[in-house]
């Protein structure tokens, strides 16, 4: 069984970038590509479940 990287389902850009060890601009770009963005007025949240599914598509299988 694979351990989850984080326990939160929704995070802001800054927290998500820290959780996934990448710069904020790259995290924002990938979250948008993954269609994992939720916008509530000026608050933007990223669904980590959707983001992780998208991230898995970059896995190298050898």
PDB file of N, CA and C in Angstrom:
ATOM      1  N   UNK A   1       0.840  -1.183   0.000  1.00  0.00           N
ATOM      2  CA  UNK A   1       0.000   0.000   0.000  1.00  0.00           C
ATOM      3  C   UNK A   1       0.887   1.248   0.000  1.00  0.00           C
ATOM      4  N   UNK A   2       0.588   2.171  -0.870  1.00  0.00           N
ATOM      5  CA  UNK A   2       1.407   3.374  -1.007  1.00  0.00           C
ATOM      6  C   UNK A   2       0.980   4.432   0.005  1.00  0.00           C
ATOM      7  N   UNK A   3       1.968   5.054   0.624  1.00  0.00           N
ATOM      8  CA  UNK A   3       1.697   6.111   1.602  1.00  0.00           C
ATOM      9  C   UNK A   3       1.363   7.407   0.878  1.00  0.00           C
ATOM     10  N   UNK A   4       0.341   8.091   1.323  1.00  0.00           N
ATOM     11  CA  UNK A   4      -0.045   9.389   0.758  1.00  0.00           C
ATOM     12  C   UNK A   4       0.992  10.429   1.140  1.00  0.00           C
ATOM     13  N   UNK A   5       1.287  11.330   0.198  1.00  0.00           N
ATOM     14  CA  UNK A   5       2.242  12.403   0.449  1.00  0.00           C
ATOM     15  C   UNK A   5       1.675  13.369   1.488  1.00  0.00           C
ATOM     16  N   UNK A   6       0.404  13.660   1.394  1.00  0.00           N
ATOM     17  CA  UNK A   6      -0.183  14.617   2.336  1.00  0.00           C
ATOM     18  C   UNK A   6      -1.530  14.112   2.814  1.00  0.00           C
ATOM     19  N   UNK A   7      -2.025  14.717   3.851  1.00  0.00           N
ATOM     20  CA  UNK A   7      -3.310  14.324   4.408  1.00  0.00           C
ATOM     21  C   UNK A   7      -4.429  15.283   4.007  1.00  0.00           C
ATOM     22  N   UNK A   8      -4.073  16.453   3.507  1.00  0.00           N
ATOM     23  CA  UNK A   8      -5.076  17.431   3.106  1.00  0.00           C
ATOM     24  C   UNK A   8      -5.568  17.119   1.704  1.00  0.00           C
ATOM     25  N   UNK A   9      -6.840  17.329   1.474  1.00  0.00           N
ATOM     26  CA  UNK A   9      -7.402  17.106   0.144  1.00  0.00           C
ATOM     27  C   UNK A   9      -7.258  18.355  -0.721  1.00  0.00           C
ATOM     28  N   UNK A  10      -7.413  19.525  -0.117  1.00  0.00           N
ATOM     29  CA  UNK A  10      -7.292  20.794  -0.838  1.00  0.00           C
ATOM     30  C   UNK A  10      -6.190  21.637  -0.213  1.00  0.00           C
ATOM     31  N   UNK A  11      -5.361  22.226  -1.059  1.00  0.00           N
ATOM     32  CA  UNK A  11      -4.281  23.091  -0.570  1.00  0.00           C
ATOM     33  C   UNK A  11      -4.181  24.333  -1.448  1.00  0.00           C
ATOM     34  N   UNK A  12      -3.574  25.371  -0.905  1.00  0.00           N
ATOM     35  CA  UNK A  12      -3.266  26.559  -1.692  1.00  0.00           C
ATOM     36  C   UNK A  12      -1.978  26.293  -2.465  1.00  0.00           C
ATOM     37  N   UNK A  13      -1.711  27.155  -3.441  1.00  0.00           N
ATOM     38  CA  UNK A  13      -0.537  26.968  -4.288  1.00  0.00           C
ATOM     39  C   UNK A  13       0.756  26.844  -3.489  1.00  0.00           C
ATOM     40  N   UNK A  14       0.972  27.732  -2.541  1.00  0.00           N
ATOM     41  CA  UNK A  14       2.229  27.752  -1.789  1.00  0.00           C
ATOM     42  C   UNK A  14       2.439  26.447  -1.026  1.00  0.00           C
ATOM     43  N   UNK A  15       1.409  25.991  -0.345  1.00  0.00           N
ATOM     44  CA  UNK A  15       1.503  24.754   0.435  1.00  0.00           C
ATOM     45  C   UNK A  15       1.696  23.551  -0.489  1.00  0.00           C
ATOM     46  N   UNK A  16       0.973  23.524  -1.605  1.00  0.00           N
ATOM     47  CA  UNK A  16       1.108  22.429  -2.559  1.00  0.00           C
ATOM     48  C   UNK A  16       2.503  22.336  -3.139  1.00  0.00           C
ATOM     49  N   UNK A  17       3.079  23.471  -3.466  1.00  0.00           N
ATOM     50  CA  UNK A  17       4.445  23.486  -3.997  1.00  0.00           C
ATOM     51  C   UNK A  17       5.426  22.911  -2.979  1.00  0.00           C
ATOM     52  N   UNK A  18       5.243  23.247  -1.724  1.00  0.00           N
ATOM     53  CA  UNK A  18       6.104  22.709  -0.671  1.00  0.00           C
ATOM     54  C   UNK A  18       5.895  21.205  -0.502  1.00  0.00           C
ATOM     55  N   UNK A  19       4.640  20.770  -0.528  1.00  0.00           N
ATOM     56  CA  UNK A  19       4.342  19.342  -0.361  1.00  0.00           C
ATOM     57  C   UNK A  19       4.953  18.487  -1.459  1.00  0.00           C
ATOM     58  N   UNK A  20       4.963  18.995  -2.674  1.00  0.00           N
ATOM     59  CA  UNK A  20       5.450  18.222  -3.816  1.00  0.00           C
ATOM     60  C   UNK A  20       6.866  18.613  -4.226  1.00  0.00           C
ATOM     61  N   UNK A  21       7.528  19.394  -3.393  1.00  0.00           N
ATOM     62  CA  UNK A  21       8.930  19.768  -3.594  1.00  0.00           C
ATOM     63  C   UNK A  21       9.196  20.343  -4.979  1.00  0.00           C
ATOM     64  N   UNK A  22       8.420  21.360  -5.338  1.00  0.00           N
ATOM     65  CA  UNK A  22       8.632  22.049  -6.605  1.00  0.00           C
ATOM     66  C   UNK A  22       8.357  23.524  -6.416  1.00  0.00           C
ATOM     67  N   UNK A  23       8.793  24.319  -7.379  1.00  0.00           N
ATOM     68  CA  UNK A  23       8.545  25.755  -7.260  1.00  0.00           C
ATOM     69  C   UNK A  23       7.049  26.023  -7.464  1.00  0.00           C
ATOM     70  N   UNK A  24       6.602  27.127  -6.927  1.00  0.00           N
ATOM     71  CA  UNK A  24       5.183  27.456  -6.959  1.00  0.00           C
ATOM     72  C   UNK A  24       4.662  27.622  -8.380  1.00  0.00           C
ATOM     73  N   UNK A  25       5.444  28.238  -9.259  1.00  0.00           N
ATOM     74  CA  UNK A  25       4.966  28.459 -10.634  1.00  0.00           C
ATOM     75  C   UNK A  25       4.750  27.133 -11.371  1.00  0.00           C
ATOM     76  N   UNK A  26       5.631  26.156 -11.144  1.00  0.00           N
ATOM     77  CA  UNK A  26       5.476  24.841 -11.785  1.00  0.00           C
ATOM     78  C   UNK A  26       4.258  24.117 -11.214  1.00  0.00           C
ATOM     79  N   UNK A  27       4.069  24.220  -9.900  1.00  0.00           N
ATOM     80  CA  UNK A  27       2.910  23.586  -9.275  1.00  0.00           C
ATOM     81  C   UNK A  27       1.615  24.180  -9.819  1.00  0.00           C
ATOM     82  N   UNK A  28       1.563  25.507  -9.938  1.00  0.00           N
ATOM     83  CA  UNK A  28       0.377  26.177 -10.491  1.00  0.00           C
ATOM     84  C   UNK A  28       0.102  25.695 -11.917  1.00  0.00           C
ATOM     85  N   UNK A  29       1.154  25.661 -12.720  1.00  0.00           N
ATOM     86  CA  UNK A  29       1.013  25.231 -14.116  1.00  0.00           C
ATOM     87  C   UNK A  29       0.469  23.805 -14.206  1.00  0.00           C
ATOM     88  N   UNK A  30       1.049  22.901 -13.423  1.00  0.00           N
ATOM     89  CA  UNK A  30       0.615  21.500 -13.458  1.00  0.00           C
ATOM     90  C   UNK A  30      -0.793  21.326 -12.899  1.00  0.00           C
ATOM     91  N   UNK A  31      -1.138  22.073 -11.862  1.00  0.00           N
ATOM     92  CA  UNK A  31      -2.476  21.991 -11.283  1.00  0.00           C
ATOM     93  C   UNK A  31      -3.527  22.429 -12.298  1.00  0.00           C
ATOM     94  N   UNK A  32      -3.205  23.466 -13.065  1.00  0.00           N
ATOM     95  CA  UNK A  32      -4.129  23.930 -14.106  1.00  0.00           C
ATOM     96  C   UNK A  32      -4.261  22.890 -15.211  1.00  0.00           C
ATOM     97  N   UNK A  33      -3.142  22.297 -15.628  1.00  0.00           N
ATOM     98  CA  UNK A  33      -3.174  21.256 -16.654  1.00  0.00           C
ATOM     99  C   UNK A  33      -3.977  20.044 -16.190  1.00  0.00           C
ATOM    100  N   UNK A  34      -3.926  19.770 -14.898  1.00  0.00           N
ATOM    101  CA  UNK A  34      -4.633  18.618 -14.327  1.00  0.00           C
ATOM    102  C   UNK A  34      -6.117  18.897 -14.099  1.00  0.00           C
ATOM    103  N   UNK A  35      -6.535  20.148 -14.302  1.00  0.00           N
ATOM    104  CA  UNK A  35      -7.906  20.557 -13.998  1.00  0.00           C
ATOM    105  C   UNK A  35      -8.256  20.273 -12.539  1.00  0.00           C
ATOM    106  N   UNK A  36      -7.315  20.601 -11.666  1.00  0.00           N
ATOM    107  CA  UNK A  36      -7.485  20.354 -10.233  1.00  0.00           C
ATOM    108  C   UNK A  36      -7.736  21.635  -9.451  1.00  0.00           C
ATOM    109  N   UNK A  37      -8.075  22.718 -10.147  1.00  0.00           N
ATOM    110  CA  UNK A  37      -8.233  24.030  -9.532  1.00  0.00           C
ATOM    111  C   UNK A  37      -9.688  24.285  -9.134  1.00  0.00           C
ATOM    112  N   UNK A  38      -9.863  24.808  -7.927  1.00  0.00           N
ATOM    113  CA  UNK A  38     -11.174  25.241  -7.442  1.00  0.00           C
ATOM    114  C   UNK A  38     -11.024  26.707  -7.058  1.00  0.00           C
ATOM    115  N   UNK A  39     -11.844  27.571  -7.606  1.00  0.00           N
ATOM    116  CA  UNK A  39     -11.742  28.997  -7.321  1.00  0.00           C
ATOM    117  C   UNK A  39     -12.996  29.464  -6.595  1.00  0.00           C
ATOM    118  N   UNK A  40     -12.793  30.050  -5.432  1.00  0.00           N
ATOM    119  CA  UNK A  40     -13.869  30.581  -4.605  1.00  0.00           C
ATOM    120  C   UNK A  40     -13.581  32.050  -4.379  1.00  0.00           C
ATOM    121  N   UNK A  41     -14.200  32.906  -5.177  1.00  0.00           N
ATOM    122  CA  UNK A  41     -13.883  34.333  -5.181  1.00  0.00           C
ATOM    123  C   UNK A  41     -12.393  34.503  -5.467  1.00  0.00           C
ATOM    124  N   UNK A  42     -11.621  35.011  -4.501  1.00  0.00           N
ATOM    125  CA  UNK A  42     -10.185  35.187  -4.723  1.00  0.00           C
ATOM    126  C   UNK A  42      -9.358  34.031  -4.175  1.00  0.00           C
ATOM    127  N   UNK A  43      -9.994  33.094  -3.525  1.00  0.00           N
ATOM    128  CA  UNK A  43      -9.308  31.937  -2.957  1.00  0.00           C
ATOM    129  C   UNK A  43      -9.197  30.840  -4.012  1.00  0.00           C
ATOM    130  N   UNK A  44      -7.992  30.359  -4.222  1.00  0.00           N
ATOM    131  CA  UNK A  44      -7.767  29.271  -5.183  1.00  0.00           C
ATOM    132  C   UNK A  44      -7.232  28.074  -4.416  1.00  0.00           C
ATOM    133  N   UNK A  45      -7.882  26.919  -4.609  1.00  0.00           N
ATOM    134  CA  UNK A  45      -7.455  25.677  -3.974  1.00  0.00           C
ATOM    135  C   UNK A  45      -7.173  24.629  -5.037  1.00  0.00           C
ATOM    136  N   UNK A  46      -6.266  23.721  -4.718  1.00  0.00           N
ATOM    137  CA  UNK A  46      -5.919  22.625  -5.619  1.00  0.00           C
ATOM    138  C   UNK A  46      -6.340  21.318  -4.962  1.00  0.00           C
ATOM    139  N   UNK A  47      -7.057  20.493  -5.709  1.00  0.00           N
ATOM    140  CA  UNK A  47      -7.464  19.178  -5.221  1.00  0.00           C
ATOM    141  C   UNK A  47      -6.270  18.240  -5.364  1.00  0.00           C
ATOM    142  N   UNK A  48      -5.713  17.791  -4.260  1.00  0.00           N
ATOM    143  CA  UNK A  48      -4.514  16.951  -4.272  1.00  0.00           C
ATOM    144  C   UNK A  48      -4.771  15.579  -4.874  1.00  0.00           C
ATOM    145  N   UNK A  49      -5.966  15.048  -4.729  1.00  0.00           N
ATOM    146  CA  UNK A  49      -6.281  13.739  -5.306  1.00  0.00           C
ATOM    147  C   UNK A  49      -6.182  13.801  -6.834  1.00  0.00           C
ATOM    148  N   UNK A  50      -6.776  14.818  -7.419  1.00  0.00           N
ATOM    149  CA  UNK A  50      -6.731  14.988  -8.874  1.00  0.00           C
ATOM    150  C   UNK A  50      -5.301  15.280  -9.317  1.00  0.00           C
ATOM    151  N   UNK A  51      -4.603  16.137  -8.570  1.00  0.00           N
ATOM    152  CA  UNK A  51      -3.228  16.480  -8.917  1.00  0.00           C
ATOM    153  C   UNK A  51      -2.336  15.246  -8.907  1.00  0.00           C
ATOM    154  N   UNK A  52      -2.481  14.389  -7.908  1.00  0.00           N
ATOM    155  CA  UNK A  52      -1.653  13.184  -7.827  1.00  0.00           C
ATOM    156  C   UNK A  52      -1.936  12.214  -8.968  1.00  0.00           C
ATOM    157  N   UNK A  53      -3.183  12.104  -9.375  1.00  0.00           N
ATOM    158  CA  UNK A  53      -3.513  11.261 -10.536  1.00  0.00           C
ATOM    159  C   UNK A  53      -2.796  11.772 -11.777  1.00  0.00           C
ATOM    160  N   UNK A  54      -2.818  13.085 -11.969  1.00  0.00           N
ATOM    161  CA  UNK A  54      -2.144  13.694 -13.098  1.00  0.00           C
ATOM    162  C   UNK A  54      -0.637  13.490 -12.999  1.00  0.00           C
ATOM    163  N   UNK A  55      -0.079  13.654 -11.819  1.00  0.00           N
ATOM    164  CA  UNK A  55       1.344  13.485 -11.608  1.00  0.00           C
ATOM    165  C   UNK A  55       1.796  12.065 -11.970  1.00  0.00           C
ATOM    166  N   UNK A  56       0.970  11.092 -11.685  1.00  0.00           N
ATOM    167  CA  UNK A  56       1.289   9.690 -11.984  1.00  0.00           C
ATOM    168  C   UNK A  56       1.450   9.444 -13.491  1.00  0.00           C
ATOM    169  N   UNK A  57       0.878  10.281 -14.325  1.00  0.00           N
ATOM    170  CA  UNK A  57       1.004  10.090 -15.767  1.00  0.00           C
ATOM    171  C   UNK A  57       2.434  10.361 -16.244  1.00  0.00           C
ATOM    172  N   UNK A  58       3.254  10.978 -15.399  1.00  0.00           N
ATOM    173  CA  UNK A  58       4.650  11.264 -15.750  1.00  0.00           C
ATOM    174  C   UNK A  58       5.604  10.191 -15.226  1.00  0.00           C
ATOM    175  N   UNK A  59       5.078   9.173 -14.614  1.00  0.00           N
ATOM    176  CA  UNK A  59       5.906   8.105 -14.034  1.00  0.00           C
ATOM    177  C   UNK A  59       6.645   7.372 -15.134  1.00  0.00           C
ATOM    178  N   UNK A  60       7.928   7.138 -14.902  1.00  0.00           N
ATOM    179  CA  UNK A  60       8.756   6.401 -15.869  1.00  0.00           C
ATOM    180  C   UNK A  60       8.742   4.940 -15.470  1.00  0.00           C
ATOM    181  N   UNK A  61       8.312   4.113 -16.389  1.00  0.00           N
ATOM    182  CA  UNK A  61       8.246   2.664 -16.141  1.00  0.00           C
ATOM    183  C   UNK A  61       9.281   1.981 -17.021  1.00  0.00           C
ATOM    184  N   UNK A  62      10.222   1.333 -16.381  1.00  0.00           N
ATOM    185  CA  UNK A  62      11.272   0.655 -17.144  1.00  0.00           C
ATOM    186  C   UNK A  62      11.284  -0.813 -16.824  1.00  0.00           C
TER     187      UNK A  62
END
